[in-house]
Amino acid sequence: MRAIIQRVTRAGVRLPDGEVRSIGPGLLIYLGVGKDDDAQSARRLAEKIAHLRVFSGAGSKFDRSLIATQGAALVISQFTLYAGLKGGRRPDFADAAGAETARPLYESFCAHLAGLGVPLRTGEFGAHMEIESVNDGPMTIGLDSTGI
């Protein structure tokens, strides 16, 4: 699994039906599922992100996690994190999992994050959405579950 996390003061997503889901301070998480990912990848990545110290305490150091700050997460499925560009200018997505594999792993990641006590909002899997965010920092980190 791959994730791009952005520390935000607020973020929201507009779904195709017009519904808006939003969070206040926390993390906007773009999540991609690869064809070799499994339930263990989802659990490990959720735990890593929930405990990742990317928020500043009184000393202005990165010493607080999403859980410690009681921040929220907005998770957006994004297969384009697996874009390959070796063959030219048009990306291919051969390393991304198909929807039949990716959806349950995306849902598993979200369930693990919520199970750790993180208030959670999600986009709509596989849908075209409008996402807005106000980055705090900026603070943007890329994670890959193979490296954790």
N, C-alpha and C. Protein backbone atom coordinates (compact mmCIF):
# COMPACT_ATOMS: atom_id res chain seq x y z
N MET A 1 0.85 -1.17 0.00
CA MET A 1 0.00 0.00 0.00
C MET A 1 0.89 1.23 0.00
N ARG A 2 0.38 2.25 -0.62
CA ARG A 2 1.07 3.53 -0.63
C ARG A 2 0.13 4.60 -0.10
N ALA A 3 0.70 5.51 0.65
CA ALA A 3 -0.10 6.61 1.18
C ALA A 3 0.67 7.91 1.05
N ILE A 4 -0.03 8.94 0.72
CA ILE A 4 0.47 10.30 0.82
C ILE A 4 -0.35 10.93 1.93
N ILE A 5 0.33 11.39 2.97
CA ILE A 5 -0.38 12.02 4.08
C ILE A 5 -0.02 13.49 4.13
N GLN A 6 -1.02 14.30 4.35
CA GLN A 6 -0.82 15.73 4.49
C GLN A 6 -1.44 16.17 5.81
N ARG A 7 -0.66 16.89 6.59
CA ARG A 7 -1.19 17.46 7.83
C ARG A 7 -2.04 18.66 7.42
N VAL A 8 -3.27 18.70 7.92
CA VAL A 8 -4.21 19.74 7.51
C VAL A 8 -4.87 20.40 8.72
N THR A 9 -5.29 21.64 8.52
CA THR A 9 -6.13 22.29 9.52
C THR A 9 -7.59 21.95 9.24
N ARG A 10 -7.87 21.66 7.95
CA ARG A 10 -9.20 21.15 7.57
C ARG A 10 -9.11 20.56 6.17
N ALA A 11 -10.01 19.62 5.90
CA ALA A 11 -10.06 19.00 4.58
C ALA A 11 -11.47 18.48 4.35
N GLY A 12 -11.85 18.40 3.10
CA GLY A 12 -13.17 17.89 2.78
C GLY A 12 -13.22 17.29 1.39
N VAL A 13 -14.20 16.47 1.18
CA VAL A 13 -14.41 15.83 -0.11
C VAL A 13 -15.88 15.97 -0.49
N ARG A 14 -16.10 16.32 -1.75
CA ARG A 14 -17.46 16.36 -2.30
C ARG A 14 -17.64 15.12 -3.16
N LEU A 15 -18.63 14.32 -2.79
CA LEU A 15 -18.91 13.07 -3.51
C LEU A 15 -19.74 13.36 -4.76
N PRO A 16 -19.85 12.39 -5.66
CA PRO A 16 -20.60 12.62 -6.89
C PRO A 16 -22.06 13.04 -6.67
N ASP A 17 -22.68 12.61 -5.57
CA ASP A 17 -24.06 12.98 -5.31
C ASP A 17 -24.18 14.35 -4.62
N GLY A 18 -23.05 15.02 -4.39
CA GLY A 18 -23.06 16.34 -3.77
C GLY A 18 -22.80 16.34 -2.28
N GLU A 19 -22.84 15.16 -1.64
CA GLU A 19 -22.57 15.08 -0.21
C GLU A 19 -21.14 15.53 0.07
N VAL A 20 -20.98 16.31 1.15
CA VAL A 20 -19.66 16.76 1.56
C VAL A 20 -19.31 16.10 2.88
N ARG A 21 -18.11 15.54 2.95
CA ARG A 21 -17.59 14.95 4.18
C ARG A 21 -16.31 15.70 4.53
N SER A 22 -16.19 16.12 5.77
CA SER A 22 -15.03 16.94 6.11
C SER A 22 -14.50 16.64 7.51
N ILE A 23 -13.26 17.09 7.72
CA ILE A 23 -12.60 16.98 9.02
C ILE A 23 -12.00 18.33 9.38
N GLY A 24 -11.71 18.49 10.65
CA GLY A 24 -10.94 19.63 11.13
C GLY A 24 -9.48 19.23 11.15
N PRO A 25 -8.73 19.66 12.16
CA PRO A 25 -7.31 19.34 12.22
C PRO A 25 -7.05 17.83 12.20
N GLY A 26 -6.04 17.44 11.42
CA GLY A 26 -5.69 16.03 11.34
C GLY A 26 -4.89 15.73 10.10
N LEU A 27 -5.20 14.59 9.47
CA LEU A 27 -4.46 14.14 8.29
C LEU A 27 -5.41 13.84 7.13
N LEU A 28 -5.04 14.34 5.97
CA LEU A 28 -5.66 13.94 4.72
C LEU A 28 -4.79 12.82 4.18
N ILE A 29 -5.38 11.65 3.95
CA ILE A 29 -4.62 10.47 3.54
C ILE A 29 -5.13 10.00 2.18
N TYR A 30 -4.23 10.05 1.19
CA TYR A 30 -4.51 9.46 -0.11
C TYR A 30 -3.94 8.06 -0.05
N LEU A 31 -4.76 7.05 -0.32
CA LEU A 31 -4.36 5.65 -0.15
C LEU A 31 -4.49 4.87 -1.44
N GLY A 32 -3.38 4.26 -1.85
CA GLY A 32 -3.37 3.40 -3.02
C GLY A 32 -3.09 1.97 -2.61
N VAL A 33 -3.73 1.03 -3.27
CA VAL A 33 -3.54 -0.39 -2.98
C VAL A 33 -2.87 -1.05 -4.17
N GLY A 34 -1.77 -1.74 -3.90
CA GLY A 34 -1.02 -2.44 -4.95
C GLY A 34 -1.48 -3.88 -5.10
N LYS A 35 -1.14 -4.47 -6.21
CA LYS A 35 -1.61 -5.84 -6.49
C LYS A 35 -1.01 -6.88 -5.56
N ASP A 36 0.08 -6.55 -4.87
CA ASP A 36 0.70 -7.50 -3.93
C ASP A 36 0.33 -7.23 -2.47
N ASP A 37 -0.55 -6.29 -2.22
CA ASP A 37 -0.92 -5.96 -0.84
C ASP A 37 -1.89 -6.97 -0.25
N ASP A 38 -1.93 -7.00 1.09
CA ASP A 38 -2.82 -7.91 1.80
C ASP A 38 -3.31 -7.25 3.08
N ALA A 39 -4.08 -7.98 3.87
CA ALA A 39 -4.66 -7.43 5.10
C ALA A 39 -3.58 -6.97 6.08
N GLN A 40 -2.46 -7.67 6.10
CA GLN A 40 -1.37 -7.27 7.00
C GLN A 40 -0.80 -5.91 6.58
N SER A 41 -0.71 -5.66 5.29
CA SER A 41 -0.24 -4.36 4.79
C SER A 41 -1.16 -3.25 5.28
N ALA A 42 -2.46 -3.49 5.21
CA ALA A 42 -3.45 -2.49 5.64
C ALA A 42 -3.31 -2.19 7.13
N ARG A 43 -3.16 -3.24 7.94
CA ARG A 43 -3.04 -3.06 9.39
C ARG A 43 -1.76 -2.32 9.74
N ARG A 44 -0.65 -2.75 9.16
CA ARG A 44 0.65 -2.11 9.47
C ARG A 44 0.65 -0.63 9.08
N LEU A 45 0.13 -0.31 7.92
CA LEU A 45 0.13 1.07 7.47
C LEU A 45 -0.79 1.93 8.34
N ALA A 46 -1.95 1.41 8.71
CA ALA A 46 -2.86 2.16 9.58
C ALA A 46 -2.21 2.45 10.92
N GLU A 47 -1.55 1.45 11.50
CA GLU A 47 -0.88 1.65 12.79
C GLU A 47 0.25 2.65 12.67
N LYS A 48 1.02 2.57 11.60
CA LYS A 48 2.13 3.49 11.38
C LYS A 48 1.61 4.93 11.30
N ILE A 49 0.59 5.15 10.51
CA ILE A 49 0.06 6.50 10.32
C ILE A 49 -0.56 7.03 11.61
N ALA A 50 -1.31 6.22 12.32
CA ALA A 50 -1.96 6.67 13.56
C ALA A 50 -0.95 7.10 14.60
N HIS A 51 0.23 6.47 14.62
CA HIS A 51 1.24 6.75 15.64
C HIS A 51 2.40 7.61 15.13
N LEU A 52 2.35 7.98 13.86
CA LEU A 52 3.41 8.78 13.27
C LEU A 52 3.44 10.17 13.91
N ARG A 53 4.59 10.56 14.40
CA ARG A 53 4.70 11.85 15.11
C ARG A 53 5.00 12.96 14.11
N VAL A 54 3.93 13.58 13.62
CA VAL A 54 4.05 14.66 12.64
C VAL A 54 3.39 15.96 13.12
N PHE A 55 2.96 15.96 14.36
CA PHE A 55 2.34 17.15 14.95
C PHE A 55 3.27 17.71 16.02
N SER A 56 3.28 19.00 16.15
CA SER A 56 4.17 19.65 17.10
C SER A 56 3.50 19.88 18.44
N GLY A 57 4.26 19.62 19.49
CA GLY A 57 3.83 19.94 20.84
C GLY A 57 4.33 21.32 21.20
N ALA A 58 4.45 21.60 22.47
CA ALA A 58 4.87 22.91 22.96
C ALA A 58 6.28 23.27 22.51
N GLY A 59 7.14 22.29 22.33
CA GLY A 59 8.53 22.54 21.95
C GLY A 59 8.74 22.69 20.45
N SER A 60 7.68 22.72 19.67
CA SER A 60 7.74 22.85 18.22
C SER A 60 8.50 21.72 17.53
N LYS A 61 8.59 20.58 18.15
CA LYS A 61 9.19 19.41 17.52
C LYS A 61 8.06 18.47 17.09
N PHE A 62 8.39 17.61 16.16
CA PHE A 62 7.42 16.60 15.77
C PHE A 62 7.41 15.53 16.84
N ASP A 63 6.55 15.70 17.82
CA ASP A 63 6.55 14.77 18.95
C ASP A 63 5.15 14.27 19.32
N ARG A 64 4.16 14.57 18.48
CA ARG A 64 2.80 14.13 18.79
C ARG A 64 2.19 13.44 17.57
N SER A 65 1.41 12.43 17.84
CA SER A 65 0.77 11.64 16.78
C SER A 65 -0.67 12.10 16.56
N LEU A 66 -1.28 11.53 15.57
CA LEU A 66 -2.69 11.78 15.29
C LEU A 66 -3.53 11.38 16.50
N ILE A 67 -3.20 10.26 17.11
CA ILE A 67 -3.93 9.79 18.29
C ILE A 67 -3.73 10.76 19.46
N ALA A 68 -2.48 11.17 19.69
CA ALA A 68 -2.18 12.06 20.82
C ALA A 68 -2.88 13.42 20.69
N THR A 69 -3.03 13.90 19.46
CA THR A 69 -3.66 15.20 19.25
C THR A 69 -5.18 15.09 19.11
N GLN A 70 -5.68 13.87 19.08
CA GLN A 70 -7.09 13.59 18.86
C GLN A 70 -7.57 14.19 17.54
N GLY A 71 -6.66 14.15 16.56
CA GLY A 71 -6.99 14.63 15.23
C GLY A 71 -7.81 13.61 14.47
N ALA A 72 -8.37 14.06 13.36
CA ALA A 72 -9.20 13.20 12.52
C ALA A 72 -8.45 12.85 11.24
N ALA A 73 -8.98 11.89 10.51
CA ALA A 73 -8.40 11.50 9.23
C ALA A 73 -9.48 11.48 8.16
N LEU A 74 -9.12 11.98 6.99
CA LEU A 74 -9.96 11.87 5.81
C LEU A 74 -9.19 10.99 4.83
N VAL A 75 -9.75 9.82 4.51
CA VAL A 75 -9.06 8.84 3.68
C VAL A 75 -9.72 8.80 2.30
N ILE A 76 -8.89 9.01 1.28
CA ILE A 76 -9.35 9.03 -0.11
C ILE A 76 -8.64 7.93 -0.87
N SER A 77 -9.39 7.05 -1.53
CA SER A 77 -8.76 6.00 -2.34
C SER A 77 -8.13 6.64 -3.57
N GLN A 78 -6.92 6.20 -3.91
CA GLN A 78 -6.21 6.81 -5.04
C GLN A 78 -5.28 5.81 -5.70
N PHE A 79 -5.80 5.08 -6.68
CA PHE A 79 -5.00 4.07 -7.37
C PHE A 79 -3.86 4.72 -8.16
N THR A 80 -3.96 6.02 -8.44
CA THR A 80 -2.93 6.68 -9.23
C THR A 80 -1.59 6.77 -8.51
N LEU A 81 -1.55 6.43 -7.21
CA LEU A 81 -0.28 6.38 -6.50
C LEU A 81 0.61 5.26 -7.05
N TYR A 82 0.01 4.36 -7.83
CA TYR A 82 0.76 3.27 -8.45
C TYR A 82 1.04 3.53 -9.93
N ALA A 83 1.03 4.78 -10.34
CA ALA A 83 1.30 5.11 -11.74
C ALA A 83 2.72 4.74 -12.11
N GLY A 84 2.86 4.10 -13.23
CA GLY A 84 4.17 3.79 -13.79
C GLY A 84 4.39 4.64 -15.03
N LEU A 85 5.60 5.18 -15.17
CA LEU A 85 5.88 6.07 -16.29
C LEU A 85 7.07 5.61 -17.14
N LYS A 86 7.42 4.35 -17.03
CA LYS A 86 8.58 3.85 -17.76
C LYS A 86 8.36 3.81 -19.27
N GLY A 87 7.14 3.63 -19.70
CA GLY A 87 6.87 3.43 -21.12
C GLY A 87 6.61 4.69 -21.91
N GLY A 88 6.70 5.84 -21.31
CA GLY A 88 6.43 7.06 -22.07
C GLY A 88 5.78 8.12 -21.22
N ARG A 89 4.86 8.83 -21.82
CA ARG A 89 4.24 9.97 -21.15
C ARG A 89 2.87 9.69 -20.57
N ARG A 90 2.29 8.58 -20.95
CA ARG A 90 0.98 8.21 -20.41
C ARG A 90 1.20 7.20 -19.29
N PRO A 91 0.70 7.49 -18.08
CA PRO A 91 0.91 6.55 -16.98
C PRO A 91 0.15 5.24 -17.19
N ASP A 92 0.78 4.16 -16.72
CA ASP A 92 0.06 2.90 -16.67
C ASP A 92 -0.11 2.53 -15.19
N PHE A 93 -1.07 1.70 -14.93
CA PHE A 93 -1.40 1.36 -13.55
C PHE A 93 -1.35 -0.14 -13.32
N ALA A 94 -0.40 -0.79 -13.97
CA ALA A 94 -0.27 -2.25 -13.90
C ALA A 94 0.01 -2.74 -12.49
N ASP A 95 0.64 -1.92 -11.65
CA ASP A 95 0.97 -2.35 -10.29
C ASP A 95 -0.15 -2.08 -9.29
N ALA A 96 -1.19 -1.38 -9.71
CA ALA A 96 -2.33 -1.12 -8.82
C ALA A 96 -3.23 -2.35 -8.77
N ALA A 97 -3.79 -2.60 -7.61
CA ALA A 97 -4.74 -3.70 -7.46
C ALA A 97 -6.04 -3.35 -8.16
N GLY A 98 -6.71 -4.35 -8.68
CA GLY A 98 -8.04 -4.14 -9.25
C GLY A 98 -9.04 -3.85 -8.14
N ALA A 99 -10.16 -3.30 -8.50
CA ALA A 99 -11.17 -2.89 -7.52
C ALA A 99 -11.62 -4.04 -6.62
N GLU A 100 -11.70 -5.26 -7.16
CA GLU A 100 -12.17 -6.39 -6.37
C GLU A 100 -11.21 -6.74 -5.23
N THR A 101 -9.94 -6.41 -5.39
CA THR A 101 -8.94 -6.60 -4.34
C THR A 101 -8.76 -5.33 -3.52
N ALA A 102 -8.71 -4.20 -4.20
CA ALA A 102 -8.41 -2.93 -3.54
C ALA A 102 -9.50 -2.47 -2.58
N ARG A 103 -10.76 -2.62 -2.95
CA ARG A 103 -11.84 -2.11 -2.09
C ARG A 103 -11.81 -2.74 -0.69
N PRO A 104 -11.74 -4.07 -0.56
CA PRO A 104 -11.72 -4.63 0.79
C PRO A 104 -10.47 -4.22 1.59
N LEU A 105 -9.33 -4.04 0.91
CA LEU A 105 -8.13 -3.62 1.62
C LEU A 105 -8.20 -2.15 2.03
N TYR A 106 -8.78 -1.33 1.19
CA TYR A 106 -9.04 0.07 1.54
C TYR A 106 -9.95 0.13 2.76
N GLU A 107 -11.02 -0.66 2.74
CA GLU A 107 -11.96 -0.69 3.86
C GLU A 107 -11.30 -1.24 5.12
N SER A 108 -10.41 -2.22 4.97
CA SER A 108 -9.68 -2.78 6.10
C SER A 108 -8.76 -1.72 6.71
N PHE A 109 -8.05 -0.98 5.89
CA PHE A 109 -7.19 0.10 6.37
C PHE A 109 -8.04 1.09 7.19
N CYS A 110 -9.17 1.51 6.64
CA CYS A 110 -10.04 2.47 7.33
C CYS A 110 -10.55 1.90 8.65
N ALA A 111 -10.93 0.64 8.66
CA ALA A 111 -11.43 0.00 9.89
C ALA A 111 -10.33 -0.06 10.95
N HIS A 112 -9.11 -0.38 10.55
CA HIS A 112 -8.00 -0.41 11.51
C HIS A 112 -7.74 0.97 12.09
N LEU A 113 -7.75 1.99 11.24
CA LEU A 113 -7.51 3.35 11.71
C LEU A 113 -8.59 3.77 12.69
N ALA A 114 -9.84 3.50 12.36
CA ALA A 114 -10.95 3.83 13.27
C ALA A 114 -10.85 3.01 14.55
N GLY A 115 -10.43 1.76 14.44
CA GLY A 115 -10.28 0.91 15.61
C GLY A 115 -9.21 1.39 16.58
N LEU A 116 -8.29 2.20 16.09
CA LEU A 116 -7.26 2.78 16.94
C LEU A 116 -7.74 4.08 17.61
N GLY A 117 -8.99 4.43 17.35
CA GLY A 117 -9.58 5.61 17.99
C GLY A 117 -9.50 6.88 17.17
N VAL A 118 -9.14 6.78 15.91
CA VAL A 118 -9.04 7.96 15.05
C VAL A 118 -10.41 8.27 14.46
N PRO A 119 -10.95 9.48 14.71
CA PRO A 119 -12.19 9.87 14.04
C PRO A 119 -11.95 9.88 12.53
N LEU A 120 -12.83 9.25 11.78
CA LEU A 120 -12.55 8.97 10.38
C LEU A 120 -13.69 9.39 9.48
N ARG A 121 -13.31 9.97 8.35
CA ARG A 121 -14.23 10.25 7.25
C ARG A 121 -13.57 9.67 6.01
N THR A 122 -14.36 9.29 5.04
CA THR A 122 -13.80 8.71 3.82
C THR A 122 -14.44 9.34 2.59
N GLY A 123 -13.75 9.17 1.49
CA GLY A 123 -14.34 9.49 0.20
C GLY A 123 -15.19 8.31 -0.24
N GLU A 124 -15.48 8.25 -1.53
CA GLU A 124 -16.23 7.13 -2.10
C GLU A 124 -15.29 6.34 -2.99
N PHE A 125 -15.07 5.09 -2.66
CA PHE A 125 -14.12 4.26 -3.39
C PHE A 125 -14.43 4.27 -4.88
N GLY A 126 -13.42 4.54 -5.69
CA GLY A 126 -13.54 4.46 -7.14
C GLY A 126 -14.28 5.60 -7.81
N ALA A 127 -14.71 6.60 -7.05
CA ALA A 127 -15.49 7.69 -7.62
C ALA A 127 -14.61 8.89 -7.95
N HIS A 128 -15.09 9.71 -8.86
CA HIS A 128 -14.44 11.00 -9.12
C HIS A 128 -14.96 11.95 -8.05
N MET A 129 -14.05 12.59 -7.32
CA MET A 129 -14.42 13.44 -6.20
C MET A 129 -13.68 14.77 -6.29
N GLU A 130 -14.22 15.77 -5.63
CA GLU A 130 -13.53 17.05 -5.47
C GLU A 130 -13.02 17.12 -4.05
N ILE A 131 -11.71 17.32 -3.91
CA ILE A 131 -11.08 17.34 -2.59
C ILE A 131 -10.50 18.72 -2.35
N GLU A 132 -10.77 19.26 -1.18
CA GLU A 132 -10.20 20.54 -0.77
C GLU A 132 -9.48 20.34 0.55
N SER A 133 -8.36 21.04 0.71
CA SER A 133 -7.65 20.95 1.97
C SER A 133 -6.89 22.24 2.23
N VAL A 134 -6.67 22.50 3.50
CA VAL A 134 -5.80 23.58 3.93
C VAL A 134 -4.65 22.90 4.65
N ASN A 135 -3.50 22.87 3.99
CA ASN A 135 -2.34 22.18 4.55
C ASN A 135 -1.77 22.98 5.71
N ASP A 136 -1.33 22.25 6.70
CA ASP A 136 -0.74 22.84 7.90
C ASP A 136 0.75 22.61 7.85
N GLY A 137 1.48 23.61 7.43
CA GLY A 137 2.93 23.47 7.39
C GLY A 137 3.56 24.16 6.21
N PRO A 138 3.64 23.55 5.07
CA PRO A 138 3.09 22.27 4.65
C PRO A 138 3.85 21.07 5.24
N MET A 139 3.13 20.01 5.42
CA MET A 139 3.69 18.75 5.91
C MET A 139 3.08 17.65 5.06
N THR A 140 3.89 17.09 4.18
CA THR A 140 3.44 16.02 3.28
C THR A 140 4.48 14.91 3.31
N ILE A 141 4.03 13.67 3.54
CA ILE A 141 4.93 12.52 3.62
C ILE A 141 4.35 11.38 2.78
N GLY A 142 5.22 10.72 2.04
CA GLY A 142 4.84 9.52 1.31
C GLY A 142 5.28 8.28 2.07
N LEU A 143 4.39 7.30 2.16
CA LEU A 143 4.70 6.05 2.86
C LEU A 143 4.39 4.87 1.94
N ASP A 144 5.16 3.82 2.09
CA ASP A 144 4.93 2.59 1.35
C ASP A 144 4.97 1.46 2.38
N SER A 145 3.96 0.61 2.38
CA SER A 145 3.88 -0.43 3.41
C SER A 145 5.01 -1.45 3.31
N THR A 146 5.68 -1.52 2.18
CA THR A 146 6.80 -2.46 2.09
C THR A 146 8.00 -2.00 2.91
N GLY A 147 8.05 -0.72 3.23
CA GLY A 147 9.18 -0.20 3.99
C GLY A 147 8.93 -0.05 5.48
N ILE A 148 7.81 -0.56 5.96
CA ILE A 148 7.52 -0.43 7.40
C ILE A 148 7.35 -1.78 8.06
